[in-house]
């Protein structure tokens, strides 16, 4: 197969996934500008080549070597592209570090993303997962994104409706999975800003600091402090953040559940469904701090699975499945993993 010169052969992925799992890619390319992808789509055999788009590797579980082409998105750039009466339109390249981008917007005086501070990964991955934390989802600040069709190299614009956002979900995880490489995302940041502090952890952190009228930077600092206390640093202990989604159950299921477990934390949803706390379910099943081989459950947060050192992806996957079985057996509630398993 003849590929452009910027494509490398047999590349280690250990430092490109936050679980620090050992794996290799048969072919690998850093994509720093859309023209590179266009060149790839013109290469002989491109359509038959297995492909995977990699961002920051913070939502990925590698279970072995990848026999295709790993496209590592490194597209940079961040700027104000428009200003309206009620909002700033801010565009960022998909390869930008998410947290650094959030802090940059705050430094410019453009609030709105502060509750999503310190979430690992890249700007391009944020809408795929519809990342969310402490009362905010990225969909609420989303304007549109630009994506490159992996078959043709053509640029396609996706607005909010086209992205089909859901809880930790989007069209890029379903019907459009594997079809596009997101190159840039534009956010709509509100001028009539109000702090989102309804989550108890955030409110308590601000109160402890004596802050009664928080700025967006205050909220960002509070969220960052909370995340640092609860979640391990991937540079020190391999992990992909929260491994499981908080399960959402219908009203009838919730009534049966809460009758048996009245102390369980829960969050009513606008459609009448109820979100349960996956970490609470896992901890009640006795998994917090436990290990299976070199994979384990973090001592400070049961939602986080960790690589204790030398774990392989299959070990992490076995641990995840054991936890799912326990929660299903104990509570009749299904847990769904967040990371992509490759």
Protein backbone atom coordinates (compact mmCIF):
# COMPACT_ATOMS: atom_id res chain seq x y z
CA UNK A 1 0.00 0.00 0.00
CA UNK A 2 1.34 3.43 -0.97
CA UNK A 3 0.61 6.14 1.59
CA UNK A 4 1.91 9.73 1.93
CA UNK A 5 5.32 10.29 3.52
CA UNK A 6 3.85 11.64 6.77
CA UNK A 7 2.38 8.21 7.57
CA UNK A 8 4.56 6.17 9.95
CA UNK A 9 4.76 2.40 10.33
CA UNK A 10 4.48 0.32 13.51
CA UNK A 11 4.01 3.07 16.13
CA UNK A 12 3.65 2.51 19.88
CA UNK A 13 0.45 3.91 21.40
CA UNK A 14 1.42 3.61 25.08
CA UNK A 15 1.79 7.38 25.56
CA UNK A 16 -1.23 8.19 23.42
CA UNK A 17 -3.86 6.66 25.71
CA UNK A 18 -4.41 7.81 29.29
CA UNK A 19 -4.85 4.23 30.53
CA UNK A 20 -1.15 3.79 29.59
CA UNK A 21 -1.93 0.46 27.93
CA UNK A 22 0.63 -1.10 25.62
CA UNK A 23 -0.45 -1.40 21.99
CA UNK A 24 0.86 -0.59 18.53
CA UNK A 25 -0.65 0.79 15.33
CA UNK A 26 0.34 -0.74 12.00
CA UNK A 27 0.17 2.75 10.45
CA UNK A 28 0.03 6.11 12.19
CA UNK A 29 -0.37 9.72 11.09
CA UNK A 30 -0.45 13.03 12.95
CA UNK A 31 -3.15 15.09 11.20
CA UNK A 32 -2.27 18.74 11.80
CA UNK A 33 -4.22 20.20 8.88
CA UNK A 34 -7.21 19.06 6.80
CA UNK A 35 -5.10 18.89 3.61
CA UNK A 36 -3.32 15.86 5.02
CA UNK A 37 -6.55 13.90 5.18
CA UNK A 38 -7.44 14.96 1.66
CA UNK A 39 -4.09 13.54 0.51
CA UNK A 40 -4.80 10.28 2.32
CA UNK A 41 -8.20 9.85 0.68
CA UNK A 42 -6.47 9.94 -2.71
CA UNK A 43 -4.02 7.16 -1.81
CA UNK A 44 -4.52 3.78 -3.53
CA UNK A 45 -6.28 1.32 -1.24
CA UNK A 46 -7.54 4.02 1.14
CA UNK A 47 -11.12 2.76 1.12
CA UNK A 48 -10.05 -0.75 2.13
CA UNK A 49 -7.80 0.44 4.97
CA UNK A 50 -9.13 0.11 8.51
CA UNK A 51 -9.04 3.51 10.22
CA UNK A 52 -9.47 4.97 13.70
CA UNK A 53 -9.53 8.65 14.71
CA UNK A 54 -7.57 9.36 17.91
CA UNK A 55 -7.81 12.52 19.98
CA UNK A 56 -6.27 12.74 23.43
CA UNK A 57 -6.75 9.03 24.12
CA UNK A 58 -8.67 9.81 27.32
CA UNK A 59 -11.81 7.91 26.33
CA UNK A 60 -10.20 4.83 24.86
CA UNK A 61 -9.59 1.26 26.02
CA UNK A 62 -7.03 -0.52 23.84
CA UNK A 63 -7.37 -4.28 24.04
CA UNK A 64 -4.60 -5.08 21.56
CA UNK A 65 -2.63 -3.86 18.56
CA UNK A 66 -4.46 -1.96 15.82
CA UNK A 67 -3.91 -3.39 12.36
CA UNK A 68 -5.02 -0.28 10.46
CA UNK A 69 -4.21 3.45 10.30
CA UNK A 70 -4.45 5.53 13.47
CA UNK A 71 -5.29 9.15 12.62
CA UNK A 72 -4.08 11.33 15.50
CA UNK A 73 -5.88 14.69 15.38
CA UNK A 74 -3.48 17.57 16.10
CA UNK A 75 -5.27 20.45 14.32
CA UNK A 76 -4.54 23.66 16.27
CA UNK A 77 -6.12 27.09 16.48
CA UNK A 78 -8.52 29.11 18.62
CA UNK A 79 -10.13 32.46 17.87
CA UNK A 80 -13.22 34.63 18.14
CA UNK A 81 -14.97 34.41 14.78
CA UNK A 82 -18.11 36.47 15.46
CA UNK A 83 -19.79 38.56 18.13
CA UNK A 84 -23.55 38.92 18.47
CA UNK A 85 -25.70 40.93 20.85
CA UNK A 86 -26.03 38.01 23.25
CA UNK A 87 -23.08 35.73 22.53
CA UNK A 88 -19.49 35.25 21.41
CA UNK A 89 -18.76 32.65 18.71
CA UNK A 90 -15.45 30.98 19.45
CA UNK A 91 -13.83 28.44 17.11
CA UNK A 92 -11.13 25.95 18.11
CA UNK A 93 -9.13 23.38 16.19
CA UNK A 94 -10.00 19.80 17.08
CA UNK A 95 -6.51 19.06 18.34
CA UNK A 96 -6.57 21.75 21.03
CA UNK A 97 -6.35 20.51 24.62
CA UNK A 98 -9.84 20.87 26.08
CA UNK A 99 -8.96 22.24 29.52
CA UNK A 100 -6.43 24.70 28.11
CA UNK A 101 -9.07 25.92 25.68
CA UNK A 102 -11.60 26.39 28.49
CA UNK A 103 -9.16 28.40 30.55
CA UNK A 104 -8.22 30.50 27.51
CA UNK A 105 -11.88 31.43 26.92
CA UNK A 106 -12.15 32.56 30.53
CA UNK A 107 -8.98 34.63 30.23
CA UNK A 108 -10.56 36.41 27.25
CA UNK A 109 -13.66 37.21 29.32
CA UNK A 110 -15.93 34.71 27.53
CA UNK A 111 -17.67 32.54 30.18
CA UNK A 112 -19.79 29.47 29.65
CA UNK A 113 -17.53 26.41 29.66
CA UNK A 114 -16.21 26.69 33.23
CA UNK A 115 -18.16 23.69 34.60
CA UNK A 116 -16.35 21.49 32.09
CA UNK A 117 -12.90 22.44 33.39
CA UNK A 118 -10.18 19.80 33.72
CA UNK A 119 -12.03 17.19 31.64
CA UNK A 120 -9.22 15.39 29.80
CA UNK A 121 -9.10 15.14 26.03
CA UNK A 122 -9.32 17.40 23.01
CA UNK A 123 -11.79 19.92 21.62
CA UNK A 124 -12.66 17.58 18.74
CA UNK A 125 -13.62 14.75 21.08
CA UNK A 126 -15.90 16.94 23.24
CA UNK A 127 -18.98 16.86 20.95
CA UNK A 128 -18.53 13.18 20.09
CA UNK A 129 -19.00 12.26 23.73
CA UNK A 130 -21.15 15.30 24.53
CA UNK A 131 -18.96 15.72 27.58
CA UNK A 132 -20.66 16.98 30.70
CA UNK A 133 -20.02 17.69 34.36
CA UNK A 134 -21.54 19.54 37.29
CA UNK A 135 -24.76 20.56 35.62
CA UNK A 136 -23.56 21.40 32.10
CA UNK A 137 -23.18 19.50 28.82
CA UNK A 138 -21.13 20.72 25.86
CA UNK A 139 -24.28 20.59 23.71
CA UNK A 140 -25.61 23.59 25.64
CA UNK A 141 -22.71 25.75 24.40
CA UNK A 142 -22.38 24.21 20.94
CA UNK A 143 -22.91 26.12 17.69
CA UNK A 144 -21.56 23.86 14.94
CA UNK A 145 -18.59 21.72 13.95
CA UNK A 146 -16.62 21.03 10.82
CA UNK A 147 -15.88 17.40 9.98
CA UNK A 148 -13.88 15.75 7.20
CA UNK A 149 -15.54 12.85 5.43
CA UNK A 150 -13.08 9.93 5.71
CA UNK A 151 -14.21 8.54 2.37
CA UNK A 152 -13.82 11.69 0.30
CA UNK A 153 -11.91 14.27 2.37
CA UNK A 154 -14.74 16.76 1.87
CA UNK A 155 -15.71 19.12 4.72
CA UNK A 156 -19.21 18.72 6.16
CA UNK A 157 -20.85 21.17 8.60
CA UNK A 158 -22.87 19.74 11.51
CA UNK A 159 -25.21 21.98 13.50
CA UNK A 160 -26.67 20.99 16.86
CA UNK A 161 -29.63 19.14 15.37
CA UNK A 162 -27.39 17.15 13.02
CA UNK A 163 -25.20 16.06 15.94
CA UNK A 164 -28.20 14.38 17.63
CA UNK A 165 -26.81 14.98 21.10
CA UNK A 166 -27.87 12.77 24.00
CA UNK A 167 -26.49 11.89 27.42
CA UNK A 168 -22.79 11.22 26.72
CA UNK A 169 -23.86 10.54 23.17
CA UNK A 170 -24.01 11.94 19.64
CA UNK A 171 -24.50 10.81 16.06
CA UNK A 172 -20.73 10.25 15.88
CA UNK A 173 -21.10 7.32 18.28
CA UNK A 174 -24.02 5.86 16.34
CA UNK A 175 -25.03 6.34 12.70
CA UNK A 176 -21.94 8.38 11.78
CA UNK A 177 -19.43 6.32 13.79
CA UNK A 178 -16.14 5.98 11.95
CA UNK A 179 -17.22 8.15 9.04
CA UNK A 180 -15.74 11.53 9.98
CA UNK A 181 -12.72 13.29 11.46
CA UNK A 182 -13.79 16.43 13.31
CA UNK A 183 -11.46 19.29 12.37
CA UNK A 184 -12.90 22.28 14.28
CA UNK A 185 -15.70 23.17 16.70
CA UNK A 186 -17.44 26.51 17.19
CA UNK A 187 -19.03 27.35 20.55
CA UNK A 188 -21.68 29.94 21.40
CA UNK A 189 -20.72 31.51 24.73
CA UNK A 190 -23.39 33.64 26.44
CA UNK A 191 -22.97 37.29 27.31
CA UNK A 192 -25.90 37.07 29.77
CA UNK A 193 -24.00 34.57 31.88
CA UNK A 194 -25.11 33.07 35.16
CA UNK A 195 -23.06 30.62 37.21
CA UNK A 196 -24.24 27.00 37.27
CA UNK A 197 -23.66 25.95 40.89
CA UNK A 198 -26.64 23.73 41.66
CA UNK A 199 -24.48 20.64 42.17
CA UNK A 200 -23.75 20.24 45.87
CA UNK A 201 -20.02 19.66 45.42
CA UNK A 202 -19.58 22.94 43.55
CA UNK A 203 -21.74 24.92 45.96
CA UNK A 204 -19.88 23.49 48.96
CA UNK A 205 -16.48 24.22 47.43
CA UNK A 206 -17.41 27.84 46.78
CA UNK A 207 -18.86 28.23 50.28
CA UNK A 208 -15.67 26.81 51.81
CA UNK A 209 -13.73 29.47 49.91
CA UNK A 210 -16.08 32.20 51.16
CA UNK A 211 -17.30 33.00 47.63
CA UNK A 212 -20.94 34.05 47.49
CA UNK A 213 -20.99 35.70 44.05
CA UNK A 214 -18.69 33.53 41.92
CA UNK A 215 -17.16 34.57 38.64
CA UNK A 216 -16.75 32.04 35.83
CA UNK A 217 -13.11 31.64 36.83
CA UNK A 218 -14.17 30.96 40.44
CA UNK A 219 -16.42 28.15 39.20
CA UNK A 220 -13.63 26.77 37.00
CA UNK A 221 -11.21 26.79 39.93
CA UNK A 222 -13.76 25.07 42.18
CA UNK A 223 -14.53 22.37 39.62
CA UNK A 224 -10.82 21.81 39.00
CA UNK A 225 -10.14 21.44 42.72
CA UNK A 226 -12.97 18.93 43.12
CA UNK A 227 -11.80 16.87 40.13
CA UNK A 228 -8.20 16.82 41.39
CA UNK A 229 -9.35 15.48 44.76
CA UNK A 230 -11.66 12.83 43.31
CA UNK A 231 -9.87 11.67 40.19
CA UNK A 232 -6.35 10.33 39.73
CA UNK A 233 -3.88 12.13 37.48
CA UNK A 234 -3.38 9.91 34.39
CA UNK A 235 0.31 10.87 34.42
CA UNK A 236 0.58 9.15 37.79
CA UNK A 237 -2.02 6.36 37.53
CA UNK A 238 -3.40 5.23 34.19
CA UNK A 239 -7.14 5.79 33.83
CA UNK A 240 -9.83 7.12 31.49
CA UNK A 241 -11.80 9.11 34.06
CA UNK A 242 -15.34 7.92 34.74
CA UNK A 243 -15.55 4.49 33.14
CA UNK A 244 -19.34 4.05 33.34
CA UNK A 245 -22.23 6.32 32.46
CA UNK A 246 -24.72 7.14 35.20
CA UNK A 247 -27.66 4.88 34.29
CA UNK A 248 -30.99 6.50 33.43
CA UNK A 249 -34.07 4.46 34.33
CA UNK A 250 -37.76 4.94 33.70
CA UNK A 251 -40.15 6.05 36.42
CA UNK A 252 -41.52 2.58 37.16
CA UNK A 253 -38.05 1.09 37.52
CA UNK A 254 -37.02 3.96 39.75
CA UNK A 255 -40.00 3.49 42.07
CA UNK A 256 -39.06 -0.15 42.60
CA UNK A 257 -35.42 0.77 43.10
CA UNK A 258 -35.91 3.63 45.58
CA UNK A 259 -38.35 1.56 47.64
CA UNK A 260 -35.50 -0.86 48.34
CA UNK A 261 -32.70 1.72 48.53
CA UNK A 262 -34.19 4.97 49.88
CA UNK A 263 -30.75 6.50 50.55
CA UNK A 264 -29.56 6.15 46.96
CA UNK A 265 -28.61 9.43 45.25
CA UNK A 266 -30.77 10.17 42.19
CA UNK A 267 -31.46 12.98 39.76
CA UNK A 268 -34.89 13.45 38.11
CA UNK A 269 -34.78 14.18 34.38
CA UNK A 270 -37.07 16.50 32.40
CA UNK A 271 -38.74 13.57 30.61
CA UNK A 272 -39.74 11.82 33.84
CA UNK A 273 -36.86 9.38 33.86
CA UNK A 274 -34.37 9.34 36.73
CA UNK A 275 -30.58 9.25 36.62
CA UNK A 276 -28.87 7.04 39.21
CA UNK A 277 -25.31 7.41 40.51
CA UNK A 278 -23.18 4.66 38.99
CA UNK A 279 -20.41 5.25 41.53
CA UNK A 280 -22.84 4.61 44.42
CA UNK A 281 -24.04 1.37 42.82
CA UNK A 282 -20.49 0.14 42.27
CA UNK A 283 -19.41 1.06 45.79
CA UNK A 284 -22.43 -0.69 47.33
CA UNK A 285 -21.37 -3.83 45.46
CA UNK A 286 -18.03 -3.69 47.26
CA UNK A 287 -15.78 -2.84 44.32
CA UNK A 288 -14.25 0.41 45.52
CA UNK A 289 -10.50 -0.10 45.99
CA UNK A 290 -10.56 -3.71 44.72
CA UNK A 291 -8.28 -5.15 42.04
CA UNK A 292 -8.48 -7.90 39.46
CA UNK A 293 -4.94 -8.56 38.40
CA UNK A 294 -3.23 -5.29 37.54
CA UNK A 295 -6.52 -3.45 36.95
CA UNK A 296 -8.44 -1.92 39.82
CA UNK A 297 -11.15 0.42 41.05
CA UNK A 298 -9.84 3.75 42.37
CA UNK A 299 -9.99 4.16 46.14
CA UNK A 300 -11.40 7.69 46.01
CA UNK A 301 -14.00 7.23 43.26
CA UNK A 302 -15.64 3.93 42.35
CA UNK A 303 -16.50 5.17 38.85
CA UNK A 304 -12.82 5.19 37.89
CA UNK A 305 -10.99 2.06 36.75
CA UNK A 306 -7.21 2.26 36.90
CA UNK A 307 -4.10 0.58 35.57
CA UNK A 308 -2.11 -0.36 38.67
CA UNK A 309 0.96 -0.93 36.49
CA UNK A 310 1.46 -3.25 33.57
CA UNK A 311 -2.22 -3.99 33.02
CA UNK A 312 -3.40 -4.97 29.57
CA UNK A 313 -6.67 -3.84 28.03
CA UNK A 314 -8.24 -7.25 28.44
CA UNK A 315 -7.65 -7.07 32.22
CA UNK A 316 -9.45 -3.74 32.42
CA UNK A 317 -12.28 -5.13 30.29
CA UNK A 318 -12.64 -8.21 32.54
CA UNK A 319 -12.84 -5.94 35.58
CA UNK A 320 -15.47 -3.77 33.90
CA UNK A 321 -17.58 -6.80 33.00
CA UNK A 322 -17.35 -8.17 36.54
CA UNK A 323 -18.60 -4.83 37.89
CA UNK A 324 -21.44 -4.76 35.37
CA UNK A 325 -22.49 -8.27 36.40
CA UNK A 326 -22.45 -7.33 40.09
CA UNK A 327 -24.56 -4.22 39.61
CA UNK A 328 -27.01 -6.04 37.36
CA UNK A 329 -27.39 -8.91 39.83
CA UNK A 330 -27.69 -6.67 42.91
CA UNK A 331 -29.80 -3.79 41.58
CA UNK A 332 -31.22 -5.01 38.24
CA UNK A 333 -29.59 -1.94 36.66
CA UNK A 334 -27.38 -2.08 33.58
CA UNK A 335 -24.14 -0.08 33.46
CA UNK A 336 -22.83 1.16 30.13
CA UNK A 337 -19.12 1.92 29.66
CA UNK A 338 -18.11 5.38 28.46
CA UNK A 339 -14.79 4.62 26.71
CA UNK A 340 -14.48 3.27 23.18
CA UNK A 341 -13.18 -0.31 23.29
CA UNK A 342 -10.77 -1.01 20.46
